[in-house]
Structure formats: structure tokens, C-alpha cells
Amino acid sequence: QVQVVESGGGLVQPGGSLKLSCAVSGIPIRANTVDWYRQAPGQTRKFVASITKTWLENYAEAVKGRFTISRDNFNNTAYLQMSSLQAEDSAVYYCGLQPYWGQGTQVTVSS
């Protein structure tokens, strides 16, 4: 049984940082692409970042230079380091190894 569990979300002030975690069980992340998507209220789910099994990283334009995706194959966990957060980054963040997705973690950027 595959499980994907995100954590690390919360309330942060504009300009602050958060690091999201994506703990995976039942499937090795080393053999898969890990995706991060986000969904704000009233909007569709949007791509944020991905990292392939060959460590190729890809980012949405909106987060380039501010977010960094990484993976720890030994612990079967992926991460999304988010810096210089803005109100527009507020959303539920989802981690996925398609077709498997987690339940999401809420990120709120507000003063």
C-alpha cells in the first residue's frame, strides 16, 4: 500500500520560510519523479516543482529562485524548501508520485 504524507505547513509572515516534507511508503522515491503542486481557494491545482529520479529539477516560473525541491532516497522523503514567501503562495500543497498523492498541507502567508 502506497502512502504519501505531507507535513510542515503552517502560518508564516511574508518574507518568511517554510520547509515541507513528503514522506513516502510503499514505493521507492529513487525510482520515481516527485511532484509538488498547490491549490489555492477557487483555483485549479497548479504545478510548483518536480525532481526526477535522475535529480533533474523543474520549477514553475512563479517560484523559481525562491523554492528548492530535494529528495532523500535513504529516508524515502522529499522536501520543498520555500523562501521569500508571499501572500500569493498561500495554498494547500500536495506531493505526488503519480498516480499517488497525499492529502496536502496548508501554507498560509499572512502578517
Protein backbone atom coordinates (compact mmCIF):
# COMPACT_ATOMS: atom_id res chain seq x y z
CA GLN A 1 0.00 0.00 0.00
CA VAL A 2 1.42 3.33 -1.08
CA GLN A 3 1.17 6.27 1.29
CA VAL A 4 2.21 9.85 0.66
CA VAL A 5 2.11 12.18 3.66
CA GLU A 6 2.91 15.87 3.51
CA SER A 7 3.86 17.91 6.56
CA GLY A 8 5.47 21.17 7.53
CA GLY A 9 2.80 23.61 6.50
CA GLY A 10 1.65 26.46 8.69
CA LEU A 11 1.28 30.18 9.08
CA VAL A 12 4.25 32.32 8.12
CA GLN A 13 4.76 36.05 7.64
CA PRO A 14 5.55 37.50 4.24
CA GLY A 15 9.24 37.09 3.52
CA GLY A 16 9.48 34.06 5.74
CA SER A 17 10.42 30.47 5.02
CA LEU A 18 8.95 27.03 5.42
CA LYS A 19 10.17 23.55 4.59
CA LEU A 20 7.61 20.99 3.55
CA SER A 21 8.23 17.28 3.81
CA CYS A 22 6.77 14.44 1.79
CA ALA A 23 7.16 11.06 3.46
CA VAL A 24 6.51 8.14 1.15
CA SER A 25 5.99 4.48 1.95
CA GLY A 26 5.27 1.52 -0.30
CA ILE A 27 7.15 2.84 -3.31
CA PRO A 28 10.77 3.96 -3.67
CA ILE A 29 11.11 7.63 -4.48
CA ARG A 30 14.50 6.92 -6.05
CA ALA A 31 12.72 5.29 -8.97
CA ASN A 32 10.10 7.97 -9.47
CA THR A 33 9.58 11.63 -10.19
CA VAL A 34 8.32 13.55 -7.19
CA ASP A 35 5.96 16.43 -7.86
CA TRP A 36 4.77 19.31 -5.73
CA TYR A 37 1.55 21.05 -6.70
CA ARG A 38 -0.52 23.64 -4.91
CA GLN A 39 -4.14 24.68 -4.91
CA ALA A 40 -5.43 28.00 -3.66
CA PRO A 41 -9.13 28.55 -2.85
CA GLY A 42 -11.19 28.84 -6.01
CA GLN A 43 -8.29 27.88 -8.25
CA THR A 44 -7.18 24.75 -10.02
CA ARG A 45 -4.26 22.72 -8.77
CA LYS A 46 -1.03 24.09 -10.22
CA PHE A 47 2.44 22.72 -10.71
CA VAL A 48 5.10 24.00 -8.33
CA ALA A 49 8.19 21.84 -8.71
CA SER A 50 9.41 18.38 -9.57
CA ILE A 51 12.53 16.28 -9.24
CA THR A 52 13.18 13.26 -11.40
CA LYS A 53 14.91 10.01 -10.49
CA THR A 54 17.96 11.43 -12.22
CA TRP A 55 17.84 14.52 -9.98
CA LEU A 56 16.61 16.86 -12.70
CA GLU A 57 14.72 19.74 -11.08
CA ASN A 58 11.95 21.77 -12.66
CA TYR A 59 10.12 24.78 -11.23
CA ALA A 60 7.14 26.91 -12.04
CA GLU A 61 8.13 30.42 -13.03
CA ALA A 62 6.31 31.83 -10.01
CA VAL A 63 8.62 30.06 -7.58
CA LYS A 64 11.95 29.96 -9.40
CA GLY A 65 14.75 31.26 -7.24
CA ARG A 66 12.63 31.04 -4.08
CA PHE A 67 11.74 27.36 -3.78
CA THR A 68 14.06 24.37 -3.82
CA ILE A 69 12.97 20.76 -4.21
CA SER A 70 15.11 17.95 -2.88
CA ARG A 71 14.95 14.27 -2.09
CA ASP A 72 16.43 11.89 0.45
CA ASN A 73 16.34 8.49 -1.14
CA PHE A 74 17.58 6.76 2.00
CA ASN A 75 14.68 8.07 4.07
CA ASN A 76 12.26 7.93 1.13
CA THR A 77 11.32 11.54 1.73
CA ALA A 78 11.15 14.59 -0.49
CA TYR A 79 11.23 18.20 0.55
CA LEU A 80 10.21 21.62 -0.66
CA GLN A 81 12.18 24.47 0.85
CA MET A 82 10.25 27.69 0.41
CA SER A 83 11.78 31.11 0.98
CA SER A 84 10.73 34.72 0.46
CA LEU A 85 7.16 33.62 0.81
CA GLN A 86 4.42 35.90 -0.45
CA ALA A 87 0.69 36.01 0.14
CA GLU A 88 0.21 34.53 -3.33
CA ASP A 89 1.99 31.38 -2.16
CA SER A 90 -0.83 30.60 0.25
CA ALA A 91 -2.39 27.31 -0.78
CA VAL A 92 -2.70 23.66 0.05
CA TYR A 93 0.49 21.97 -1.11
CA TYR A 94 0.35 18.44 -2.44
CA CYS A 95 3.13 15.96 -3.01
CA GLY A 96 2.76 13.21 -5.55
CA LEU A 97 4.41 10.27 -7.17
CA GLN A 98 1.87 9.83 -9.85
CA PRO A 99 -0.69 8.38 -9.60
CA TYR A 100 -0.28 8.59 -5.83
CA TRP A 101 -0.96 11.82 -3.95
CA GLY A 102 -1.02 12.95 -0.39
CA GLN A 103 -3.78 14.81 1.40
CA GLY A 104 -1.94 18.11 1.32
CA THR A 105 -0.58 20.55 3.85
CA GLN A 106 -1.85 24.10 4.27
CA VAL A 107 0.53 27.01 3.83
CA THR A 108 -0.73 30.45 4.79
CA VAL A 109 1.38 33.53 4.25
CA SER A 110 -0.01 36.46 6.17
CA SER A 111 1.03 39.21 8.53
